[in-house]
PDB file of N, CA and C in Angstrom:
ATOM      1  N   UNK A   1    -114.159-149.480 -77.819  1.00  0.00           N
ATOM      2  CA  UNK A   1    -114.295-148.168 -77.249  1.00  0.00           C
ATOM      3  C   UNK A   1    -114.639-148.337 -75.770  1.00  0.00           C
ATOM      4  N   UNK A   2    -114.012-147.509 -74.938  1.00  0.00           N
ATOM      5  CA  UNK A   2    -114.276-147.605 -73.493  1.00  0.00           C
ATOM      6  C   UNK A   2    -114.645-146.265 -72.869  1.00  0.00           C
ATOM      7  N   UNK A   3    -114.797-145.216 -73.689  1.00  0.00           N
ATOM      8  CA  UNK A   3    -115.159-143.941 -73.111  1.00  0.00           C
ATOM      9  C   UNK A   3    -115.407-142.880 -74.157  1.00  0.00           C
ATOM     10  N   UNK A   4    -115.750-141.676 -73.661  1.00  0.00           N
ATOM     11  CA  UNK A   4    -115.983-140.557 -74.561  1.00  0.00           C
ATOM     12  C   UNK A   4    -115.776-139.247 -73.808  1.00  0.00           C
ATOM     13  N   UNK A   5    -115.503-138.213 -74.562  1.00  0.00           N
ATOM     14  CA  UNK A   5    -115.425-136.851 -74.038  1.00  0.00           C
ATOM     15  C   UNK A   5    -116.433-136.028 -74.819  1.00  0.00           C
ATOM     16  N   UNK A   6    -116.977-134.985 -74.181  1.00  0.00           N
ATOM     17  CA  UNK A   6    -117.910-134.154 -74.925  1.00  0.00           C
ATOM     18  C   UNK A   6    -117.696-132.680 -74.641  1.00  0.00           C
ATOM     19  N   UNK A   7    -118.006-131.897 -75.679  1.00  0.00           N
ATOM     20  CA  UNK A   7    -117.894-130.446 -75.614  1.00  0.00           C
ATOM     21  C   UNK A   7    -119.204-129.860 -76.116  1.00  0.00           C
ATOM     22  N   UNK A   8    -119.526-128.686 -75.622  1.00  0.00           N
ATOM     23  CA  UNK A   8    -120.708-127.967 -76.074  1.00  0.00           C
ATOM     24  C   UNK A   8    -120.262-126.569 -76.451  1.00  0.00           C
ATOM     25  N   UNK A   9    -120.605-126.160 -77.660  1.00  0.00           N
ATOM     26  CA  UNK A   9    -120.230-124.845 -78.177  1.00  0.00           C
ATOM     27  C   UNK A   9    -118.738-124.572 -78.023  1.00  0.00           C
ATOM     28  N   UNK A  10    -117.922-125.559 -78.326  1.00  0.00           N
ATOM     29  CA  UNK A  10    -116.483-125.390 -78.296  1.00  0.00           C
ATOM     30  C   UNK A  10    -115.849-125.421 -76.917  1.00  0.00           C
ATOM     31  N   UNK A  11    -116.637-125.701 -75.884  1.00  0.00           N
ATOM     32  CA  UNK A  11    -116.125-125.762 -74.517  1.00  0.00           C
ATOM     33  C   UNK A  11    -116.192-127.203 -74.013  1.00  0.00           C
ATOM     34  N   UNK A  12    -115.032-127.740 -73.674  1.00  0.00           N
ATOM     35  CA  UNK A  12    -114.959-129.103 -73.163  1.00  0.00           C
ATOM     36  C   UNK A  12    -115.700-129.182 -71.835  1.00  0.00           C
ATOM     37  N   UNK A  13    -116.614-130.137 -71.712  1.00  0.00           N
ATOM     38  CA  UNK A  13    -117.427-130.270 -70.492  1.00  0.00           C
ATOM     39  C   UNK A  13    -116.962-131.414 -69.608  1.00  0.00           C
ATOM     40  N   UNK A  14    -116.580-132.539 -70.209  1.00  0.00           N
ATOM     41  CA  UNK A  14    -116.164-133.662 -69.400  1.00  0.00           C
ATOM     42  C   UNK A  14    -115.904-134.903 -70.226  1.00  0.00           C
ATOM     43  N   UNK A  15    -115.593-135.978 -69.500  1.00  0.00           N
ATOM     44  CA  UNK A  15    -115.313-137.262 -70.140  1.00  0.00           C
ATOM     45  C   UNK A  15    -115.593-138.376 -69.141  1.00  0.00           C
ATOM     46  N   UNK A  16    -115.914-139.534 -69.653  1.00  0.00           N
ATOM     47  CA  UNK A  16    -116.098-140.744 -68.848  1.00  0.00           C
ATOM     48  C   UNK A  16    -115.360-141.879 -69.520  1.00  0.00           C
ATOM     49  N   UNK A  17    -114.616-142.644 -68.725  1.00  0.00           N
ATOM     50  CA  UNK A  17    -113.853-143.779 -69.234  1.00  0.00           C
ATOM     51  C   UNK A  17    -114.135-144.976 -68.334  1.00  0.00           C
ATOM     52  N   UNK A  18    -114.336-146.135 -68.946  1.00  0.00           N
ATOM     53  CA  UNK A  18    -114.646-147.361 -68.211  1.00  0.00           C
ATOM     54  C   UNK A  18    -113.562-148.404 -68.447  1.00  0.00           C
ATOM     55  N   UNK A  19    -113.473-149.358 -67.544  1.00  0.00           N
ATOM     56  CA  UNK A  19    -112.415-150.368 -67.628  1.00  0.00           C
ATOM     57  C   UNK A  19    -112.671-151.425 -68.691  1.00  0.00           C
ATOM     58  N   UNK A  20    -113.878-151.466 -69.245  1.00  0.00           N
ATOM     59  CA  UNK A  20    -114.170-152.462 -70.282  1.00  0.00           C
ATOM     60  C   UNK A  20    -115.168-151.914 -71.290  1.00  0.00           C
ATOM     61  N   UNK A  21    -115.116-152.466 -72.484  1.00  0.00           N
ATOM     62  CA  UNK A  21    -116.061-152.103 -73.522  1.00  0.00           C
ATOM     63  C   UNK A  21    -117.480-152.520 -73.144  1.00  0.00           C
ATOM     64  N   UNK A  22    -117.621-153.649 -72.483  1.00  0.00           N
ATOM     65  CA  UNK A  22    -118.946-154.136 -72.087  1.00  0.00           C
ATOM     66  C   UNK A  22    -119.639-153.164 -71.140  1.00  0.00           C
ATOM     67  N   UNK A  23    -118.896-152.679 -70.161  1.00  0.00           N
ATOM     68  CA  UNK A  23    -119.462-151.729 -69.205  1.00  0.00           C
ATOM     69  C   UNK A  23    -119.804-150.414 -69.899  1.00  0.00           C
ATOM     70  N   UNK A  24    -118.918-149.938 -70.772  1.00  0.00           N
ATOM     71  CA  UNK A  24    -119.195-148.708 -71.504  1.00  0.00           C
ATOM     72  C   UNK A  24    -120.453-148.853 -72.362  1.00  0.00           C
ATOM     73  N   UNK A  25    -120.575-149.960 -73.082  1.00  0.00           N
ATOM     74  CA  UNK A  25    -121.752-150.171 -73.930  1.00  0.00           C
ATOM     75  C   UNK A  25    -123.040-150.187 -73.113  1.00  0.00           C
ATOM     76  N   UNK A  26    -122.970-150.751 -71.940  1.00  0.00           N
ATOM     77  CA  UNK A  26    -124.138-150.826 -71.063  1.00  0.00           C
ATOM     78  C   UNK A  26    -124.583-149.427 -70.612  1.00  0.00           C
ATOM     79  N   UNK A  27    -123.627-148.538 -70.363  1.00  0.00           N
ATOM     80  CA  UNK A  27    -123.936-147.204 -69.844  1.00  0.00           C
ATOM     81  C   UNK A  27    -124.040-146.128 -70.923  1.00  0.00           C
ATOM     82  N   UNK A  28    -123.613-146.432 -72.142  1.00  0.00           N
ATOM     83  CA  UNK A  28    -123.592-145.450 -73.218  1.00  0.00           C
ATOM     84  C   UNK A  28    -124.928-144.738 -73.432  1.00  0.00           C
ATOM     85  N   UNK A  29    -126.076-145.419 -73.471  1.00  0.00           N
ATOM     86  CA  UNK A  29    -127.331-144.684 -73.702  1.00  0.00           C
ATOM     87  C   UNK A  29    -127.588-143.592 -72.655  1.00  0.00           C
ATOM     88  N   UNK A  30    -127.291-143.856 -71.401  1.00  0.00           N
ATOM     89  CA  UNK A  30    -127.489-142.850 -70.343  1.00  0.00           C
ATOM     90  C   UNK A  30    -126.505-141.696 -70.479  1.00  0.00           C
ATOM     91  N   UNK A  31    -125.259-142.022 -70.818  1.00  0.00           N
ATOM     92  CA  UNK A  31    -124.244-140.978 -70.994  1.00  0.00           C
ATOM     93  C   UNK A  31    -124.610-140.056 -72.157  1.00  0.00           C
ATOM     94  N   UNK A  32    -125.038-140.654 -73.256  1.00  0.00           N
ATOM     95  CA  UNK A  32    -125.429-139.880 -74.430  1.00  0.00           C
ATOM     96  C   UNK A  32    -126.633-138.997 -74.118  1.00  0.00           C
ATOM     97  N   UNK A  33    -127.616-139.533 -73.416  1.00  0.00           N
ATOM     98  CA  UNK A  33    -128.811-138.762 -73.058  1.00  0.00           C
ATOM     99  C   UNK A  33    -128.441-137.572 -72.170  1.00  0.00           C
ATOM    100  N   UNK A  34    -127.578-137.791 -71.179  1.00  0.00           N
ATOM    101  CA  UNK A  34    -127.166-136.708 -70.284  1.00  0.00           C
ATOM    102  C   UNK A  34    -126.436-135.605 -71.051  1.00  0.00           C
ATOM    103  N   UNK A  35    -125.544-135.985 -71.950  1.00  0.00           N
ATOM    104  CA  UNK A  35    -124.815-134.994 -72.751  1.00  0.00           C
ATOM    105  C   UNK A  35    -125.770-134.240 -73.671  1.00  0.00           C
ATOM    106  N   UNK A  36    -126.739-134.942 -74.251  1.00  0.00           N
ATOM    107  CA  UNK A  36    -127.709-134.303 -75.142  1.00  0.00           C
ATOM    108  C   UNK A  36    -128.589-133.313 -74.378  1.00  0.00           C
ATOM    109  N   UNK A  37    -129.027-133.677 -73.194  1.00  0.00           N
ATOM    110  CA  UNK A  37    -129.845-132.771 -72.378  1.00  0.00           C
ATOM    111  C   UNK A  37    -129.061-131.507 -72.042  1.00  0.00           C
ATOM    112  N   UNK A  38    -127.797-131.670 -71.668  1.00  0.00           N
ATOM    113  CA  UNK A  38    -126.966-130.501 -71.368  1.00  0.00           C
ATOM    114  C   UNK A  38    -126.780-129.632 -72.606  1.00  0.00           C
ATOM    115  N   UNK A  39    -126.564-130.245 -73.753  1.00  0.00           N
ATOM    116  CA  UNK A  39    -126.378-129.485 -74.992  1.00  0.00           C
ATOM    117  C   UNK A  39    -127.636-128.717 -75.368  1.00  0.00           C
ATOM    118  N   UNK A  40    -128.783-129.345 -75.232  1.00  0.00           N
ATOM    119  CA  UNK A  40    -130.051-128.705 -75.578  1.00  0.00           C
ATOM    120  C   UNK A  40    -130.344-127.541 -74.639  1.00  0.00           C
ATOM    121  N   UNK A  41    -129.960-127.660 -73.387  1.00  0.00           N
ATOM    122  CA  UNK A  41    -130.260-126.609 -72.409  1.00  0.00           C
ATOM    123  C   UNK A  41    -129.234-125.471 -72.408  1.00  0.00           C
ATOM    124  N   UNK A  42    -128.210-125.570 -73.252  1.00  0.00           N
ATOM    125  CA  UNK A  42    -127.164-124.545 -73.323  1.00  0.00           C
ATOM    126  C   UNK A  42    -127.473-123.578 -74.463  1.00  0.00           C
ATOM    127  N   UNK A  43    -127.409-122.260 -74.191  1.00  0.00           N
ATOM    128  CA  UNK A  43    -127.622-121.294 -75.281  1.00  0.00           C
ATOM    129  C   UNK A  43    -126.643-121.560 -76.427  1.00  0.00           C
ATOM    130  N   UNK A  44    -127.116-121.408 -77.635  1.00  0.00           N
ATOM    131  CA  UNK A  44    -126.322-121.743 -78.817  1.00  0.00           C
ATOM    132  C   UNK A  44    -125.438-120.589 -79.270  1.00  0.00           C
ATOM    133  N   UNK A  45    -124.266-120.942 -79.741  1.00  0.00           N
ATOM    134  CA  UNK A  45    -123.363-119.999 -80.390  1.00  0.00           C
ATOM    135  C   UNK A  45    -122.571-120.784 -81.426  1.00  0.00           C
ATOM    136  N   UNK A  46    -121.958-120.096 -82.330  1.00  0.00           N
ATOM    137  CA  UNK A  46    -121.154-120.745 -83.360  1.00  0.00           C
ATOM    138  C   UNK A  46    -119.744-120.931 -82.809  1.00  0.00           C
ATOM    139  N   UNK A  47    -119.200-122.125 -82.951  1.00  0.00           N
ATOM    140  CA  UNK A  47    -117.856-122.379 -82.444  1.00  0.00           C
ATOM    141  C   UNK A  47    -117.185-123.482 -83.245  1.00  0.00           C
ATOM    142  N   UNK A  48    -115.901-123.640 -82.998  1.00  0.00           N
ATOM    143  CA  UNK A  48    -115.119-124.681 -83.659  1.00  0.00           C
ATOM    144  C   UNK A  48    -115.056-125.919 -82.780  1.00  0.00           C
ATOM    145  N   UNK A  49    -114.827-127.076 -83.382  1.00  0.00           N
ATOM    146  CA  UNK A  49    -114.654-128.295 -82.585  1.00  0.00           C
ATOM    147  C   UNK A  49    -113.436-128.179 -81.668  1.00  0.00           C
ATOM    148  N   UNK A  50    -113.458-128.926 -80.588  1.00  0.00           N
ATOM    149  CA  UNK A  50    -112.336-128.949 -79.649  1.00  0.00           C
ATOM    150  C   UNK A  50    -111.273-129.883 -80.223  1.00  0.00           C
ATOM    151  N   UNK A  51    -110.028-129.425 -80.361  1.00  0.00           N
ATOM    152  CA  UNK A  51    -108.961-130.279 -80.897  1.00  0.00           C
ATOM    153  C   UNK A  51    -108.695-131.481 -79.989  1.00  0.00           C
ATOM    154  N   UNK A  52    -108.352-132.600 -80.569  1.00  0.00           N
ATOM    155  CA  UNK A  52    -108.076-133.824 -79.809  1.00  0.00           C
ATOM    156  C   UNK A  52    -106.933-133.613 -78.824  1.00  0.00           C
ATOM    157  N   UNK A  53    -105.983-132.762 -79.166  1.00  0.00           N
ATOM    158  CA  UNK A  53    -104.868-132.471 -78.261  1.00  0.00           C
ATOM    159  C   UNK A  53    -105.358-131.776 -76.986  1.00  0.00           C
ATOM    160  N   UNK A  54    -106.374-130.946 -77.115  1.00  0.00           N
ATOM    161  CA  UNK A  54    -106.969-130.273 -75.961  1.00  0.00           C
ATOM    162  C   UNK A  54    -107.645-131.284 -75.053  1.00  0.00           C
ATOM    163  N   UNK A  55    -108.338-132.240 -75.650  1.00  0.00           N
ATOM    164  CA  UNK A  55    -108.998-133.290 -74.867  1.00  0.00           C
ATOM    165  C   UNK A  55    -107.953-134.118 -74.127  1.00  0.00           C
ATOM    166  N   UNK A  56    -106.895-134.522 -74.808  1.00  0.00           N
ATOM    167  CA  UNK A  56    -105.837-135.312 -74.178  1.00  0.00           C
ATOM    168  C   UNK A  56    -105.185-134.577 -73.023  1.00  0.00           C
ATOM    169  N   UNK A  57    -104.891-133.294 -73.215  1.00  0.00           N
ATOM    170  CA  UNK A  57    -104.283-132.495 -72.143  1.00  0.00           C
ATOM    171  C   UNK A  57    -105.237-132.358 -70.964  1.00  0.00           C
ATOM    172  N   UNK A  58    -106.524-132.201 -71.235  1.00  0.00           N
ATOM    173  CA  UNK A  58    -107.521-132.107 -70.173  1.00  0.00           C
ATOM    174  C   UNK A  58    -107.538-133.383 -69.327  1.00  0.00           C
ATOM    175  N   UNK A  59    -107.531-134.536 -69.984  1.00  0.00           N
ATOM    176  CA  UNK A  59    -107.547-135.809 -69.260  1.00  0.00           C
ATOM    177  C   UNK A  59    -106.307-135.964 -68.381  1.00  0.00           C
ATOM    178  N   UNK A  60    -105.148-135.686 -68.937  1.00  0.00           N
ATOM    179  CA  UNK A  60    -103.895-135.821 -68.189  1.00  0.00           C
ATOM    180  C   UNK A  60    -103.851-134.836 -67.021  1.00  0.00           C
ATOM    181  N   UNK A  61    -104.160-133.572 -67.277  1.00  0.00           N
ATOM    182  CA  UNK A  61    -104.083-132.548 -66.245  1.00  0.00           C
ATOM    183  C   UNK A  61    -105.117-132.736 -65.138  1.00  0.00           C
ATOM    184  N   UNK A  62    -106.249-133.345 -65.463  1.00  0.00           N
ATOM    185  CA  UNK A  62    -107.284-133.589 -64.463  1.00  0.00           C
ATOM    186  C   UNK A  62    -106.823-134.554 -63.381  1.00  0.00           C
ATOM    187  N   UNK A  63    -105.881-135.406 -63.707  1.00  0.00           N
ATOM    188  CA  UNK A  63    -105.401-136.411 -62.753  1.00  0.00           C
ATOM    189  C   UNK A  63    -104.234-135.920 -61.894  1.00  0.00           C
ATOM    190  N   UNK A  64    -103.859-134.652 -62.013  1.00  0.00           N
ATOM    191  CA  UNK A  64    -102.674-134.145 -61.319  1.00  0.00           C
ATOM    192  C   UNK A  64    -102.937-133.644 -59.899  1.00  0.00           C
ATOM    193  N   UNK A  65    -104.175-133.455 -59.527  1.00  0.00           N
ATOM    194  CA  UNK A  65    -104.479-132.916 -58.205  1.00  0.00           C
ATOM    195  C   UNK A  65    -104.152-133.891 -57.084  1.00  0.00           C
ATOM    196  N   UNK A  66    -104.118-133.368 -55.871  1.00  0.00           N
ATOM    197  CA  UNK A  66    -103.885-134.178 -54.682  1.00  0.00           C
ATOM    198  C   UNK A  66    -105.046-135.156 -54.503  1.00  0.00           C
ATOM    199  N   UNK A  67    -104.725-136.416 -54.271  1.00  0.00           N
ATOM    200  CA  UNK A  67    -105.744-137.467 -54.204  1.00  0.00           C
ATOM    201  C   UNK A  67    -106.323-137.629 -52.796  1.00  0.00           C
ATOM    202  N   UNK A  68    -107.652-137.737 -52.743  1.00  0.00           N
ATOM    203  CA  UNK A  68    -108.376-138.071 -51.526  1.00  0.00           C
ATOM    204  C   UNK A  68    -109.104-139.385 -51.793  1.00  0.00           C
ATOM    205  N   UNK A  69    -108.883-140.376 -50.943  1.00  0.00           N
ATOM    206  CA  UNK A  69    -109.482-141.702 -51.138  1.00  0.00           C
ATOM    207  C   UNK A  69    -110.398-142.005 -49.962  1.00  0.00           C
ATOM    208  N   UNK A  70    -111.528-142.630 -50.260  1.00  0.00           N
ATOM    209  CA  UNK A  70    -112.420-143.073 -49.185  1.00  0.00           C
ATOM    210  C   UNK A  70    -113.062-144.397 -49.559  1.00  0.00           C
ATOM    211  N   UNK A  71    -113.279-145.207 -48.549  1.00  0.00           N
ATOM    212  CA  UNK A  71    -113.934-146.493 -48.746  1.00  0.00           C
ATOM    213  C   UNK A  71    -115.435-146.288 -48.796  1.00  0.00           C
ATOM    214  N   UNK A  72    -116.072-146.885 -49.793  1.00  0.00           N
ATOM    215  CA  UNK A  72    -117.523-146.810 -49.937  1.00  0.00           C
ATOM    216  C   UNK A  72    -118.167-148.009 -49.241  1.00  0.00           C
ATOM    217  N   UNK A  73    -117.627-149.192 -49.501  1.00  0.00           N
ATOM    218  CA  UNK A  73    -118.065-150.418 -48.832  1.00  0.00           C
ATOM    219  C   UNK A  73    -116.906-151.413 -48.857  1.00  0.00           C
ATOM    220  N   UNK A  74    -117.158-152.662 -48.531  1.00  0.00           N
ATOM    221  CA  UNK A  74    -116.083-153.654 -48.422  1.00  0.00           C
ATOM    222  C   UNK A  74    -115.335-153.875 -49.733  1.00  0.00           C
ATOM    223  N   UNK A  75    -115.953-153.511 -50.865  1.00  0.00           N
ATOM    224  CA  UNK A  75    -115.344-153.802 -52.157  1.00  0.00           C
ATOM    225  C   UNK A  75    -115.065-152.557 -53.006  1.00  0.00           C
ATOM    226  N   UNK A  76    -115.632-151.445 -52.650  1.00  0.00           N
ATOM    227  CA  UNK A  76    -115.557-150.261 -53.498  1.00  0.00           C
ATOM    228  C   UNK A  76    -114.847-149.111 -52.789  1.00  0.00           C
ATOM    229  N   UNK A  77    -113.988-148.452 -53.520  1.00  0.00           N
ATOM    230  CA  UNK A  77    -113.256-147.299 -53.007  1.00  0.00           C
ATOM    231  C   UNK A  77    -113.362-146.189 -54.055  1.00  0.00           C
ATOM    232  N   UNK A  78    -113.490-144.951 -53.593  1.00  0.00           N
ATOM    233  CA  UNK A  78    -113.503-143.825 -54.524  1.00  0.00           C
ATOM    234  C   UNK A  78    -112.272-142.957 -54.295  1.00  0.00           C
ATOM    235  N   UNK A  79    -111.794-142.382 -55.369  1.00  0.00           N
ATOM    236  CA  UNK A  79    -110.666-141.453 -55.309  1.00  0.00           C
ATOM    237  C   UNK A  79    -111.095-140.174 -56.011  1.00  0.00           C
ATOM    238  N   UNK A  80    -110.657-139.062 -55.461  1.00  0.00           N
ATOM    239  CA  UNK A  80    -111.003-137.762 -56.026  1.00  0.00           C
ATOM    240  C   UNK A  80    -109.748-136.908 -56.105  1.00  0.00           C
ATOM    241  N   UNK A  81    -109.613-136.223 -57.222  1.00  0.00           N
ATOM    242  CA  UNK A  81    -108.523-135.257 -57.396  1.00  0.00           C
ATOM    243  C   UNK A  81    -109.131-133.984 -57.955  1.00  0.00           C
ATOM    244  N   UNK A  82    -108.701-132.879 -57.412  1.00  0.00           N
ATOM    245  CA  UNK A  82    -109.268-131.601 -57.820  1.00  0.00           C
ATOM    246  C   UNK A  82    -108.160-130.644 -58.241  1.00  0.00           C
ATOM    247  N   UNK A  83    -108.383-129.980 -59.373  1.00  0.00           N
ATOM    248  CA  UNK A  83    -107.488-128.926 -59.834  1.00  0.00           C
ATOM    249  C   UNK A  83    -108.335-127.685 -60.082  1.00  0.00           C
ATOM    250  N   UNK A  84    -107.699-126.589 -60.440  1.00  0.00           N
ATOM    251  CA  UNK A  84    -108.453-125.366 -60.745  1.00  0.00           C
ATOM    252  C   UNK A  84    -109.371-125.557 -61.948  1.00  0.00           C
ATOM    253  N   UNK A  85    -108.979-126.437 -62.862  1.00  0.00           N
ATOM    254  CA  UNK A  85    -109.718-126.603 -64.112  1.00  0.00           C
ATOM    255  C   UNK A  85    -110.631-127.819 -64.161  1.00  0.00           C
ATOM    256  N   UNK A  86    -110.454-128.771 -63.230  1.00  0.00           N
ATOM    257  CA  UNK A  86    -111.224-130.013 -63.356  1.00  0.00           C
ATOM    258  C   UNK A  86    -111.382-130.746 -62.031  1.00  0.00           C
ATOM    259  N   UNK A  87    -112.362-131.632 -62.039  1.00  0.00           N
ATOM    260  CA  UNK A  87    -112.572-132.569 -60.949  1.00  0.00           C
ATOM    261  C   UNK A  87    -112.468-133.966 -61.548  1.00  0.00           C
ATOM    262  N   UNK A  88    -111.614-134.802 -60.965  1.00  0.00           N
ATOM    263  CA  UNK A  88    -111.399-136.174 -61.427  1.00  0.00           C
ATOM    264  C   UNK A  88    -111.928-137.116 -60.354  1.00  0.00           C
ATOM    265  N   UNK A  89    -112.788-138.040 -60.743  1.00  0.00           N
ATOM    266  CA  UNK A  89    -113.341-139.034 -59.825  1.00  0.00           C
ATOM    267  C   UNK A  89    -113.059-140.422 -60.378  1.00  0.00           C
ATOM    268  N   UNK A  90    -112.650-141.329 -59.495  1.00  0.00           N
ATOM    269  CA  UNK A  90    -112.329-142.682 -59.922  1.00  0.00           C
ATOM    270  C   UNK A  90    -112.972-143.676 -58.960  1.00  0.00           C
ATOM    271  N   UNK A  91    -113.623-144.679 -59.510  1.00  0.00           N
ATOM    272  CA  UNK A  91    -114.199-145.770 -58.722  1.00  0.00           C
ATOM    273  C   UNK A  91    -113.270-146.973 -58.861  1.00  0.00           C
ATOM    274  N   UNK A  92    -112.911-147.569 -57.718  1.00  0.00           N
ATOM    275  CA  UNK A  92    -111.967-148.686 -57.716  1.00  0.00           C
ATOM    276  C   UNK A  92    -112.586-149.916 -57.065  1.00  0.00           C
ATOM    277  N   UNK A  93    -112.174-151.071 -57.553  1.00  0.00           N
ATOM    278  CA  UNK A  93    -112.621-152.355 -57.014  1.00  0.00           C
ATOM    279  C   UNK A  93    -111.514-152.925 -56.142  1.00  0.00           C
ATOM    280  N   UNK A  94    -111.717-152.920 -54.828  1.00  0.00           N
ATOM    281  CA  UNK A  94    -110.676-153.395 -53.914  1.00  0.00           C
ATOM    282  C   UNK A  94    -110.473-154.903 -54.004  1.00  0.00           C
ATOM    283  N   UNK A  95    -111.480-155.626 -54.474  1.00  0.00           N
ATOM    284  CA  UNK A  95    -111.346-157.072 -54.641  1.00  0.00           C
ATOM    285  C   UNK A  95    -110.259-157.401 -55.661  1.00  0.00           C
ATOM    286  N   UNK A  96    -110.123-156.514 -56.656  1.00  0.00           N
ATOM    287  CA  UNK A  96    -109.109-156.687 -57.697  1.00  0.00           C
ATOM    288  C   UNK A  96    -107.946-155.719 -57.484  1.00  0.00           C
ATOM    289  N   UNK A  97    -107.489-155.590 -56.256  1.00  0.00           N
ATOM    290  CA  UNK A  97    -106.295-154.806 -55.906  1.00  0.00           C
ATOM    291  C   UNK A  97    -106.395-153.349 -56.355  1.00  0.00           C
ATOM    292  N   UNK A  98    -107.538-152.742 -56.088  1.00  0.00           N
ATOM    293  CA  UNK A  98    -107.792-151.331 -56.418  1.00  0.00           C
ATOM    294  C   UNK A  98    -107.785-151.038 -57.917  1.00  0.00           C
ATOM    295  N   UNK A  99    -108.136-152.007 -58.720  1.00  0.00           N
ATOM    296  CA  UNK A  99    -108.249-151.766 -60.159  1.00  0.00           C
ATOM    297  C   UNK A  99    -109.379-150.762 -60.402  1.00  0.00           C
ATOM    298  N   UNK A 100    -109.133-149.786 -61.261  1.00  0.00           N
ATOM    299  CA  UNK A 100    -110.179-148.794 -61.515  1.00  0.00           C
ATOM    300  C   UNK A 100    -111.263-149.378 -62.412  1.00  0.00           C
ATOM    301  N   UNK A 101    -112.487-148.945 -62.166  1.00  0.00           N
ATOM    302  CA  UNK A 101    -113.647-149.405 -62.923  1.00  0.00           C
ATOM    303  C   UNK A 101    -114.208-148.268 -63.780  1.00  0.00           C
ATOM    304  N   UNK A 102    -114.237-147.066 -63.212  1.00  0.00           N
ATOM    305  CA  UNK A 102    -114.800-145.903 -63.902  1.00  0.00           C
ATOM    306  C   UNK A 102    -114.004-144.667 -63.535  1.00  0.00           C
ATOM    307  N   UNK A 103    -113.735-143.843 -64.542  1.00  0.00           N
ATOM    308  CA  UNK A 103    -113.086-142.550 -64.334  1.00  0.00           C
ATOM    309  C   UNK A 103    -113.959-141.473 -64.946  1.00  0.00           C
ATOM    310  N   UNK A 104    -114.212-140.446 -64.162  1.00  0.00           N
ATOM    311  CA  UNK A 104    -115.037-139.337 -64.614  1.00  0.00           C
ATOM    312  C   UNK A 104    -114.227-138.053 -64.519  1.00  0.00           C
ATOM    313  N   UNK A 105    -114.255-137.263 -65.575  1.00  0.00           N
ATOM    314  CA  UNK A 105    -113.524-136.012 -65.665  1.00  0.00           C
ATOM    315  C   UNK A 105    -114.542-134.890 -65.891  1.00  0.00           C
ATOM    316  N   UNK A 106    -114.586-133.941 -64.984  1.00  0.00           N
ATOM    317  CA  UNK A 106    -115.543-132.838 -65.092  1.00  0.00           C
ATOM    318  C   UNK A 106    -114.802-131.509 -65.165  1.00  0.00           C
ATOM    319  N   UNK A 107    -115.079-130.749 -66.210  1.00  0.00           N
ATOM    320  CA  UNK A 107    -114.439-129.445 -66.357  1.00  0.00           C
ATOM    321  C   UNK A 107    -115.079-128.438 -65.409  1.00  0.00           C
ATOM    322  N   UNK A 108    -114.254-127.578 -64.863  1.00  0.00           N
ATOM    323  CA  UNK A 108    -114.749-126.488 -63.998  1.00  0.00           C
ATOM    324  C   UNK A 108    -114.862-125.214 -64.804  1.00  0.00           C
ATOM    325  N   UNK A 109    -115.913-124.475 -64.536  1.00  0.00           N
ATOM    326  CA  UNK A 109    -116.072-123.165 -65.175  1.00  0.00           C
ATOM    327  C   UNK A 109    -115.247-122.136 -64.433  1.00  0.00           C
ATOM    328  N   UNK A 110    -114.758-121.181 -65.157  1.00  0.00           N
ATOM    329  CA  UNK A 110    -113.981-120.098 -64.533  1.00  0.00           C
ATOM    330  C   UNK A 110    -114.777-118.819 -64.523  1.00  0.00           C
TER     331      UNK A 110
END
């Protein structure tokens, strides 16, 4: 496993994907805690689970925006894409020919 997506009360909130299982396992406790805090702080309502097809479409569509890239330091570069529905952020390792290390998908509220 290299990532996860989460929804609260039937509304997709976001997803994080890492380039390796080792990195994901290292960060999983923090990711789970952040999602749990958001869920606890959200007013409760009854809803259905988010279909896997909805999650897949969200991930694909989040990457469609115009890309803005900036150098963070000699080895790290960030890329950002924005759409009406989502913000996509990607961290890249320039030492490994811009290989991505982390991808974050954040849903926008309407």
